Protein backbone atom coordinates (compact mmCIF):
# COMPACT_ATOMS: atom_id res chain seq x y z
CA MET A 1 16.65 26.70 -16.95
CA ALA A 2 16.96 23.19 -16.51
CA ASP A 3 19.10 21.26 -17.86
CA ALA A 4 16.58 19.25 -19.68
CA ASP A 5 14.98 22.13 -21.03
CA LYS A 6 18.25 23.14 -23.18
CA LEU A 7 17.67 20.54 -24.43
CA PHE A 8 15.61 21.44 -26.82
CA GLU A 9 17.44 24.89 -28.16
CA THR A 10 20.69 22.92 -28.40
CA ASP A 11 19.33 19.68 -29.88
CA PRO A 12 16.04 20.62 -31.41
CA GLU A 13 15.64 17.47 -33.35
CA PHE A 14 17.24 14.52 -31.60
CA MET A 15 14.45 16.14 -28.64
CA GLU A 16 11.65 16.31 -31.10
CA ARG A 17 11.98 12.20 -31.68
CA PHE A 18 12.27 11.18 -28.69
CA GLU A 19 10.13 13.35 -26.41
CA ALA A 20 7.23 11.93 -29.14
CA PHE A 21 8.76 8.81 -29.08
CA ALA A 22 8.79 8.71 -24.81
CA ASN A 23 6.32 10.76 -24.21
CA ASN A 24 3.43 9.89 -26.72
CA GLU A 25 3.87 6.64 -28.38
CA VAL A 26 5.20 4.61 -25.49
CA VAL A 27 2.77 5.95 -23.26
CA ASN A 28 -0.19 5.86 -25.86
CA GLU A 29 0.50 2.20 -27.77
CA PRO A 30 -2.91 0.32 -27.92
CA GLY A 31 -2.74 -2.35 -25.22
CA GLN A 32 0.29 -1.49 -23.43
CA GLU A 33 -1.11 1.58 -21.95
CA LEU A 34 -0.58 1.97 -17.84
CA ASP A 35 -2.10 4.18 -14.76
CA ASN A 36 0.17 6.88 -14.03
CA GLU A 37 1.26 5.85 -11.02
CA THR A 38 1.89 2.14 -11.96
CA ARG A 39 4.36 3.45 -14.75
CA PHE A 40 6.16 6.25 -12.69
CA MET A 41 7.14 3.76 -10.59
CA SER A 42 8.16 1.85 -12.59
CA ILE A 43 10.49 4.58 -14.68
CA LEU A 44 12.29 5.32 -11.46
CA ALA A 45 13.27 2.26 -9.95
CA ALA A 46 14.82 1.12 -14.01
CA LEU A 47 15.84 4.52 -13.90
CA VAL A 48 18.06 3.70 -10.46
CA GLY A 49 19.16 0.68 -12.14
CA CYS A 50 20.95 1.92 -15.00
CA GLN A 51 22.36 4.60 -13.23
CA GLY A 52 20.54 7.51 -14.69
CA LEU A 53 20.57 9.93 -12.24
CA ASP A 54 19.99 13.91 -14.08
CA GLU A 55 17.05 11.53 -15.46
CA TYR A 56 16.08 9.68 -12.31
CA LYS A 57 15.64 13.78 -11.28
CA VAL A 58 13.81 14.90 -13.81
CA MET A 59 10.66 11.82 -13.93
CA LEU A 60 11.00 12.05 -9.77
CA SER A 61 9.86 15.74 -9.69
CA GLN A 62 7.47 15.03 -12.49
CA ALA A 63 6.34 11.81 -10.15
CA LEU A 64 5.83 13.60 -7.17
CA GLU A 65 4.06 16.85 -9.02
CA LYS A 66 0.10 14.27 -8.12
CA TYR A 67 1.47 10.50 -9.28
CA LEU A 68 3.34 9.38 -6.12
CA THR A 69 3.74 10.55 -3.32
CA PRO A 70 7.30 10.97 -1.42
CA VAL A 71 7.18 8.09 0.71
CA MET A 72 6.25 5.66 -2.71
CA ALA A 73 9.55 7.65 -3.58
CA LYS A 74 11.58 7.28 -1.19
CA GLU A 75 11.05 3.76 0.15
CA ILE A 76 11.97 2.99 -4.34
CA VAL A 77 15.18 3.95 -3.27
CA TYR A 78 15.65 2.25 -0.43
CA GLN A 79 15.05 -0.87 -1.38
CA ALA A 80 17.25 -0.08 -3.93
CA VAL A 81 19.91 -0.42 -1.65
CA ASP A 82 20.07 -4.23 -2.11
CA TYR A 83 19.99 -4.11 -5.80
CA LEU A 84 22.42 -2.78 -6.99
CA GLY A 85 24.18 -1.29 -3.30
CA MET A 86 24.81 1.50 -1.76
CA GLY A 87 27.59 2.43 -3.98
CA ARG A 88 25.57 2.88 -6.95
CA VAL A 89 22.00 3.87 -5.18
CA TYR A 90 23.90 6.86 -2.66
CA PRO A 91 23.63 9.33 -5.31
CA PHE A 92 19.96 8.71 -6.15
CA LEU A 93 19.17 9.39 -2.05
CA VAL A 94 20.98 11.97 -2.22
CA ALA A 95 18.98 13.71 -5.25
CA THR A 96 16.11 12.70 -3.87
CA ASN A 97 16.85 14.28 -0.57
CA GLU A 98 17.24 17.24 -2.68
CA ILE A 99 14.01 17.52 -4.97
CA MET A 100 12.18 16.71 -1.45
CA ILE A 101 13.79 19.34 0.29
CA GLU A 102 13.22 21.85 -2.72
CA ARG A 103 9.55 20.90 -2.48
CA GLY A 104 9.40 21.64 0.79
CA ILE A 105 8.85 18.59 1.46
CA LYS A 106 9.80 17.95 5.96
CA LEU A 107 12.08 15.77 6.33
CA PRO A 108 12.75 13.03 8.04
CA LEU A 109 9.43 11.60 6.28
CA GLU A 110 7.08 9.50 8.68
CA GLY A 111 8.39 5.76 9.19
CA GLN A 112 7.43 2.72 7.76
CA ALA A 113 9.49 0.08 9.28
CA THR A 114 7.60 -2.80 10.68
CA THR A 115 10.20 -5.46 12.05
CA SER A 116 12.68 -5.15 14.66
CA MET A 117 16.18 -6.51 14.62
CA ASP A 118 14.55 -9.05 17.05
CA ASP A 119 11.80 -10.41 14.59
CA ARG A 120 13.03 -8.89 10.72
CA LEU A 121 14.42 -12.61 10.43
CA GLU A 122 10.68 -14.18 10.83
CA LYS A 123 8.93 -11.76 9.15
CA GLY A 124 11.19 -11.40 5.95
CA SER A 125 11.46 -15.42 5.04
CA ASP A 126 7.31 -14.77 5.41
CA ALA A 127 7.68 -12.68 2.56
CA GLN A 128 9.68 -14.66 0.89
CA VAL A 129 6.92 -17.70 1.27
CA ALA A 130 4.01 -15.04 -0.01
CA ILE A 131 5.90 -14.07 -3.05
CA PHE A 132 8.17 -17.06 -4.32
CA GLY A 133 6.27 -20.13 -1.95
CA GLU A 134 6.73 -23.38 0.82
CA GLY A 135 9.50 -23.92 -0.90
CA MET A 136 11.16 -20.72 0.29
CA LYS A 137 10.06 -21.59 3.76
CA ASP A 138 13.99 -22.72 5.37
CA PHE A 139 15.70 -21.06 2.55
CA TRP A 140 17.61 -18.26 4.72
CA LYS A 141 19.67 -21.93 6.69
CA GLY A 142 21.93 -22.26 3.75
CA GLY A 143 24.46 -19.92 4.45
CA HIS A 144 24.75 -16.59 5.83
CA ILE A 145 23.96 -15.00 2.60
CA ASN A 146 20.81 -16.61 2.47
CA ARG A 147 20.01 -15.61 6.41
CA TRP A 148 21.08 -12.00 4.65
CA LEU A 149 18.87 -12.60 1.55
CA ALA A 150 15.67 -12.60 3.99
CA ALA A 151 16.00 -11.08 7.08
CA ASN A 152 17.81 -8.06 5.50
CA CYS A 153 16.45 -7.53 1.63
CA PHE A 154 12.96 -9.54 2.80
CA GLY A 155 12.71 -8.10 6.43
CA ASP A 156 14.06 -5.41 6.71
CA TYR A 157 12.61 -3.86 3.09
CA TYR A 158 10.18 -5.91 1.57
CA THR A 159 7.94 -5.75 5.05
CA ARG A 160 7.80 -1.73 5.31
CA THR A 161 4.65 -0.17 4.68
CA GLY A 162 4.23 2.33 1.90
CA LEU A 163 4.47 0.27 -1.15
CA ASP A 164 2.73 -3.45 -1.36
CA LEU A 165 4.45 -6.50 -2.53
CA LYS A 166 2.88 -6.22 -5.43
CA GLN A 167 4.89 -3.26 -6.06
CA ARG A 168 7.20 -3.83 -4.82
CA GLU A 169 8.02 -6.66 -6.94
CA LEU A 170 7.46 -4.81 -9.41
CA ILE A 171 10.18 -2.29 -8.84
CA THR A 172 12.44 -5.78 -7.70
CA PHE A 173 11.95 -6.63 -11.91
CA CYS A 174 12.00 -2.79 -13.00
CA PHE A 175 16.19 -3.11 -10.78
CA LEU A 176 17.03 -5.84 -12.64
CA ALA A 177 15.75 -5.26 -15.55
CA ALA A 178 17.68 -1.99 -16.13
CA GLN A 179 21.17 -3.08 -14.69
CA GLY A 180 21.54 -5.89 -17.42
CA GLY A 181 23.26 -9.35 -16.69
CA CYS A 182 20.91 -10.40 -13.31
CA GLU A 183 18.82 -13.04 -15.92
CA PRO A 184 19.02 -15.29 -13.99
CA GLN A 185 17.22 -12.95 -10.60
CA LEU A 186 15.42 -11.35 -13.31
CA ALA A 187 13.35 -14.62 -13.95
CA SER A 188 12.23 -15.91 -10.86
CA HIS A 189 11.15 -12.42 -9.44
CA VAL A 190 8.85 -12.56 -13.52
CA VAL A 191 7.47 -15.72 -10.81
CA GLY A 192 7.58 -13.57 -7.52
CA ASN A 193 5.49 -10.47 -10.10
CA ILE A 194 3.19 -13.35 -11.62
CA ARG A 195 2.22 -14.95 -8.17
CA LEU A 196 1.51 -12.04 -6.51
CA GLY A 197 -0.69 -11.01 -9.89
CA ASN A 198 1.70 -8.95 -11.93
CA ASN A 199 0.65 -11.04 -14.69
CA LYS A 200 2.47 -11.97 -18.25
CA GLU A 201 0.69 -8.54 -20.35
CA PHE A 202 1.40 -6.68 -17.58
CA LEU A 203 4.66 -7.01 -17.38
CA ILE A 204 5.21 -6.32 -20.91
CA LYS A 205 3.55 -3.97 -20.40
CA VAL A 206 5.90 -1.90 -17.57
CA VAL A 207 9.39 -2.83 -19.99
CA SER A 208 7.89 -1.19 -23.06
CA GLN A 209 7.26 2.42 -20.96
CA CYS A 210 10.56 1.94 -19.43
CA LEU A 211 12.70 0.97 -23.16
CA PRO A 212 12.81 4.79 -23.88
CA TYR A 213 15.15 4.99 -20.23
CA ILE A 214 17.32 1.33 -20.36
CA GLY A 215 17.54 0.84 -24.04
CA TYR A 216 16.06 -2.21 -26.18
CA PRO A 217 19.04 -4.76 -25.76
CA ARG A 218 18.33 -4.65 -21.78
CA SER A 219 13.90 -4.60 -22.75
CA LEU A 220 14.90 -7.55 -25.13
CA ASN A 221 16.34 -9.71 -22.55
CA ALA A 222 13.65 -9.21 -20.15
CA LEU A 223 11.44 -10.18 -22.32
CA GLY A 224 13.22 -13.06 -22.70
CA CYS A 225 12.69 -13.96 -19.24
CA ILE A 226 9.33 -13.12 -18.74
CA ASN A 227 8.65 -15.75 -21.84
CA LYS A 228 10.47 -18.07 -21.02
CA ALA A 229 9.69 -18.72 -16.91
CA THR A 230 6.10 -18.27 -18.69
CA GLU A 231 6.21 -20.80 -20.34
CA LYS A 232 7.87 -23.07 -17.83
């Protein structure tokens, strides 16, 4: 019996209420529904962000049943490294590999890189411009951290296939909202999401669907960032 299933025996009253809330009330709240692909992408990214490893394993198994491809799941984990660091993402990468191997998925998966070490800076900067506007064109020239951000974060990851730019900005929003303490960056990525077509109403739906997994304080902070960014 899986650990999650054991909770129905050891904590039946709690699990009854949590399941009813997370898997019924939240999922079916009028006006806050998301398609299953987007919902699972958002929740998995949020669980990495809040370090919810055991729940991540449960949700990843469900996602791989019929909602996300193995490539999509892996891309979520890979991109998380730039927003949480390898120190926090490493256990999720190991767990993802273990679950995929258990499901008979052959690793490594097909490569998704579209840049080389020679053009990653240029293409990463182009991705920044596509997301945030022309003001980012020479941002990489502002010091070595800015150069790393363009080449590594955007050039190594945002340019990969498997997820498109809208989906990558979505999961970045979830990483930042779920880990907390990154409100300035979260507000910037609210703007990036909106520029790509993930509008205010959509982002509120994402927060709503992630709330059972990240809690009310961080969800309310995320809503505050959405409101402030859209007011401007």
